[in-house]
Structures are given as structure tokens and as C-alpha cells.
Amino acid sequence: QVQLVESGGGWVQAGGSLRLSCAASGLTFSSRTMGWFRRTPGKEREFVAAHRWSGAKIYDEDSVKGRFTIARDNAKNTLYLQMNSLKPEDTAVYYCAAGPVYSPRNGVRSSEYDYWGQGTQVTVSS
């Protein structure tokens, strides 16, 4: 049974930092593109960052580039998202996702992922 469990969310003041983790089990972690998405009330789930199985990292250029860093530890089956210089508009539920084995896609669309975590709330106050 595949499980993706996010942790590390919480409340932080603007300018602060949080580190999200996603612990994966029941799947071949190292061979999959892993991604972070977020959703705010009334909006579609939006792409944040992806870490492809090949090692390439992709970010949403407009919203998080330069502030967020995605990383993975294949030995621990864990995906991370280091979030710095947080802004109130970063407030959302953040989701971890796992794509198919050796997918050729870059991982920026939610439709490219097979498995999802339950999400972790991040709240940034001004």
C-alpha cells in the first residue's frame, strides 16, 4: 500500500522559514518524479516544485523560484521542501505527490502524478 505522509507545516510570520517533509512507503521512490503542490480555498491545486528521478529540479518560476528548494533523500524515501522568505500568499495546504516509474514528463501538472499525500497546512501571517 502506497503512503505519502507530509509533515512540517505550521504557522510562521512573513519572512520566516519552514521545512516540509514527505515520507514515502510502498513504492519505488528513487525511480519516480516527486512533486510538491499547494491549494488555497477556492483555487485549483497549483504546482510548486518537482524533483525528477533523473535529478533535475523544476520550480514554479513566478511564485517560489529563489525562495524554495526541493530535495530528496532516496535512502530515506523522503522528499523535502525548504521554504524561506515566506510570504502571506504562500499560505496553503501543501501536498506531496509521486509520479509513475521513470516518467518522461517533467512533473509540473497534477495529472502526471499517481499518488498523493493528505496535505499539511502552512499559514504565513503578515
C-alpha atoms as a PDB file:
ATOM      1  CA  GLN A   1       0.000   0.000   0.000  1.00  0.00           C
ATOM      2  CA  VAL A   2       1.430   3.333  -1.069  1.00  0.00           C
ATOM      3  CA  GLN A   3       1.598   6.057   1.550  1.00  0.00           C
ATOM      4  CA  LEU A   4       2.840   9.611   1.313  1.00  0.00           C
ATOM      5  CA  VAL A   5       2.852  11.410   4.634  1.00  0.00           C
ATOM      6  CA  GLU A   6       3.636  15.107   4.792  1.00  0.00           C
ATOM      7  CA  SER A   7       4.863  16.870   7.897  1.00  0.00           C
ATOM      8  CA  GLY A   8       6.489  20.134   8.909  1.00  0.00           C
ATOM      9  CA  GLY A   9       3.660  22.530   8.214  1.00  0.00           C
ATOM     10  CA  GLY A  10       2.569  25.146  10.696  1.00  0.00           C
ATOM     11  CA  TRP A  11       2.290  28.833  11.403  1.00  0.00           C
ATOM     12  CA  VAL A  12       5.092  31.284  10.693  1.00  0.00           C
ATOM     13  CA  GLN A  13       5.467  35.019  10.335  1.00  0.00           C
ATOM     14  CA  ALA A  14       6.247  36.568   6.986  1.00  0.00           C
ATOM     15  CA  GLY A  15       9.941  36.294   6.228  1.00  0.00           C
ATOM     16  CA  GLY A  16      10.280  33.096   8.188  1.00  0.00           C
ATOM     17  CA  SER A  17      11.124  29.562   7.094  1.00  0.00           C
ATOM     18  CA  LEU A  18       9.618  26.108   7.223  1.00  0.00           C
ATOM     19  CA  ARG A  19      10.829  22.737   6.023  1.00  0.00           C
ATOM     20  CA  LEU A  20       8.271  20.270   4.780  1.00  0.00           C
ATOM     21  CA  SER A  21       8.945  16.545   4.623  1.00  0.00           C
ATOM     22  CA  CYS A  22       7.166  13.787   2.751  1.00  0.00           C
ATOM     23  CA  ALA A  23       7.818  10.243   3.879  1.00  0.00           C
ATOM     24  CA  ALA A  24       7.013   7.686   1.179  1.00  0.00           C
ATOM     25  CA  SER A  25       6.397   3.979   1.590  1.00  0.00           C
ATOM     26  CA  GLY A  26       5.090   1.125  -0.540  1.00  0.00           C
ATOM     27  CA  LEU A  27       6.663   2.362  -3.780  1.00  0.00           C
ATOM     28  CA  THR A  28       9.996   2.539  -5.607  1.00  0.00           C
ATOM     29  CA  PHE A  29      10.841   6.054  -4.502  1.00  0.00           C
ATOM     30  CA  SER A  30      14.124   6.623  -6.331  1.00  0.00           C
ATOM     31  CA  SER A  31      12.661   5.867  -9.762  1.00  0.00           C
ATOM     32  CA  ARG A  32       9.813   8.361  -9.535  1.00  0.00           C
ATOM     33  CA  THR A  33       9.458  12.061 -10.032  1.00  0.00           C
ATOM     34  CA  MET A  34       8.273  13.584  -6.777  1.00  0.00           C
ATOM     35  CA  GLY A  35       6.453  16.865  -6.570  1.00  0.00           C
ATOM     36  CA  TRP A  36       5.022  19.481  -4.259  1.00  0.00           C
ATOM     37  CA  PHE A  37       1.730  21.197  -4.977  1.00  0.00           C
ATOM     38  CA  ARG A  38      -0.379  23.567  -2.940  1.00  0.00           C
ATOM     39  CA  ARG A  39      -4.014  24.563  -2.732  1.00  0.00           C
ATOM     40  CA  THR A  40      -5.776  27.558  -1.254  1.00  0.00           C
ATOM     41  CA  PRO A  41      -9.548  27.733  -0.726  1.00  0.00           C
ATOM     42  CA  GLY A  42     -11.403  28.421  -3.945  1.00  0.00           C
ATOM     43  CA  LYS A  43      -8.386  27.763  -6.149  1.00  0.00           C
ATOM     44  CA  GLU A  44      -7.097  24.870  -8.163  1.00  0.00           C
ATOM     45  CA  ARG A  45      -4.182  22.896  -6.858  1.00  0.00           C
ATOM     46  CA  GLU A  46      -1.032  24.569  -8.185  1.00  0.00           C
ATOM     47  CA  PHE A  47       2.449  23.330  -8.927  1.00  0.00           C
ATOM     48  CA  VAL A  48       5.256  24.360  -6.574  1.00  0.00           C
ATOM     49  CA  ALA A  49       8.275  22.211  -7.382  1.00  0.00           C
ATOM     50  CA  ALA A  50       9.290  18.828  -8.742  1.00  0.00           C
ATOM     51  CA  HIS A  51      12.333  16.668  -8.276  1.00  0.00           C
ATOM     52  CA  ARG A  52      12.628  14.286 -11.204  1.00  0.00           C
ATOM     53  CA  TRP A  53      14.002  10.769 -10.779  1.00  0.00           C
ATOM     54  CA  SER A  54      16.885  11.896 -13.029  1.00  0.00           C
ATOM     55  CA  GLY A  55      17.935  14.535 -10.504  1.00  0.00           C
ATOM     56  CA  ALA A  56      16.567  17.555 -12.316  1.00  0.00           C
ATOM     57  CA  LYS A  57      14.680  20.113 -10.248  1.00  0.00           C
ATOM     58  CA  ILE A  58      11.870  22.247 -11.557  1.00  0.00           C
ATOM     59  CA  TYR A  59      10.217  25.179  -9.820  1.00  0.00           C
ATOM     60  CA  ASP A  60       7.281  27.409 -10.435  1.00  0.00           C
ATOM     61  CA  GLU A  61       9.223  30.393 -11.699  1.00  0.00           C
ATOM     62  CA  ASP A  62       6.769  33.074 -10.743  1.00  0.00           C
ATOM     63  CA  SER A  63       5.890  32.163  -7.199  1.00  0.00           C
ATOM     64  CA  VAL A  64       8.702  30.266  -5.490  1.00  0.00           C
ATOM     65  CA  LYS A  65      11.885  30.372  -7.516  1.00  0.00           C
ATOM     66  CA  GLY A  66      14.754  31.566  -5.387  1.00  0.00           C
ATOM     67  CA  ARG A  67      12.903  31.082  -2.110  1.00  0.00           C
ATOM     68  CA  PHE A  68      12.006  27.373  -2.065  1.00  0.00           C
ATOM     69  CA  THR A  69      14.346  24.434  -2.512  1.00  0.00           C
ATOM     70  CA  ILE A  70      13.239  20.892  -3.254  1.00  0.00           C
ATOM     71  CA  ALA A  71      15.414  17.974  -2.254  1.00  0.00           C
ATOM     72  CA  ARG A  72      15.135  14.231  -1.857  1.00  0.00           C
ATOM     73  CA  ASP A  73      16.902  11.512   0.096  1.00  0.00           C
ATOM     74  CA  ASN A  74      16.425   8.276  -1.801  1.00  0.00           C
ATOM     75  CA  ALA A  75      17.993   6.256   1.019  1.00  0.00           C
ATOM     76  CA  LYS A  76      15.281   7.525   3.372  1.00  0.00           C
ATOM     77  CA  ASN A  77      12.455   7.605   0.805  1.00  0.00           C
ATOM     78  CA  THR A  78      11.842  11.184   1.789  1.00  0.00           C
ATOM     79  CA  LEU A  79      11.126  14.351  -0.152  1.00  0.00           C
ATOM     80  CA  TYR A  80      11.737  17.815   1.298  1.00  0.00           C
ATOM     81  CA  LEU A  81      10.725  21.361   0.592  1.00  0.00           C
ATOM     82  CA  GLN A  82      12.749  24.077   2.270  1.00  0.00           C
ATOM     83  CA  MET A  83      10.723  27.282   2.233  1.00  0.00           C
ATOM     84  CA  ASN A  84      12.476  30.552   3.016  1.00  0.00           C
ATOM     85  CA  SER A  85      11.358  34.182   2.916  1.00  0.00           C
ATOM     86  CA  LEU A  86       7.773  33.061   3.283  1.00  0.00           C
ATOM     87  CA  LYS A  87       5.001  35.414   2.253  1.00  0.00           C
ATOM     88  CA  PRO A  88       1.320  35.509   3.282  1.00  0.00           C
ATOM     89  CA  GLU A  89       0.419  34.386  -0.251  1.00  0.00           C
ATOM     90  CA  ASP A  90       2.294  31.130   0.399  1.00  0.00           C
ATOM     91  CA  THR A  91      -0.457  30.178   2.840  1.00  0.00           C
ATOM     92  CA  ALA A  92      -1.969  26.928   1.573  1.00  0.00           C
ATOM     93  CA  VAL A  93      -2.271  23.226   2.108  1.00  0.00           C
ATOM     94  CA  TYR A  94       0.854  21.649   0.667  1.00  0.00           C
ATOM     95  CA  TYR A  95       0.685  18.231  -0.949  1.00  0.00           C
ATOM     96  CA  CYS A  96       3.363  15.731  -1.846  1.00  0.00           C
ATOM     97  CA  ALA A  97       2.887  13.606  -4.953  1.00  0.00           C
ATOM     98  CA  ALA A  98       4.593  10.654  -6.627  1.00  0.00           C
ATOM     99  CA  GLY A  99       4.652  10.084 -10.360  1.00  0.00           C
ATOM    100  CA  PRO A 100       4.925   6.869 -12.395  1.00  0.00           C
ATOM    101  CA  VAL A 101       8.151   4.919 -12.546  1.00  0.00           C
ATOM    102  CA  TYR A 102      10.683   6.631 -14.868  1.00  0.00           C
ATOM    103  CA  SER A 103       8.126   9.037 -16.246  1.00  0.00           C
ATOM    104  CA  PRO A 104       9.428  11.116 -19.178  1.00  0.00           C
ATOM    105  CA  ARG A 105       7.257  14.058 -18.131  1.00  0.00           C
ATOM    106  CA  ASN A 106       8.665  16.986 -16.212  1.00  0.00           C
ATOM    107  CA  GLY A 107       6.146  16.811 -13.390  1.00  0.00           C
ATOM    108  CA  VAL A 108       4.552  20.268 -13.454  1.00  0.00           C
ATOM    109  CA  ARG A 109       0.987  19.030 -13.931  1.00  0.00           C
ATOM    110  CA  SER A 110      -1.017  17.315 -11.239  1.00  0.00           C
ATOM    111  CA  SER A 111      -2.286  14.848 -13.853  1.00  0.00           C
ATOM    112  CA  GLU A 112       1.256  13.472 -14.158  1.00  0.00           C
ATOM    113  CA  TYR A 113       1.140  12.022 -10.638  1.00  0.00           C
ATOM    114  CA  ASP A 114      -0.264   8.730  -9.416  1.00  0.00           C
ATOM    115  CA  TYR A 115      -0.200   9.117  -5.644  1.00  0.00           C
ATOM    116  CA  TRP A 116      -0.904  11.966  -3.257  1.00  0.00           C
ATOM    117  CA  GLY A 117      -0.420  12.671   0.414  1.00  0.00           C
ATOM    118  CA  GLN A 118      -3.073  14.078   2.716  1.00  0.00           C
ATOM    119  CA  GLY A 119      -1.515  17.533   2.828  1.00  0.00           C
ATOM    120  CA  THR A 120      -0.030  19.762   5.510  1.00  0.00           C
ATOM    121  CA  GLN A 121      -1.224  23.269   6.302  1.00  0.00           C
ATOM    122  CA  VAL A 122       1.173  26.187   6.022  1.00  0.00           C
ATOM    123  CA  THR A 123       0.000  29.535   7.360  1.00  0.00           C
ATOM    124  CA  VAL A 124       2.077  32.683   6.925  1.00  0.00           C
ATOM    125  CA  SER A 125       0.957  35.769   8.809  1.00  0.00           C
ATOM    126  CA  SER A 126       1.821  39.315   7.811  1.00  0.00           C
END
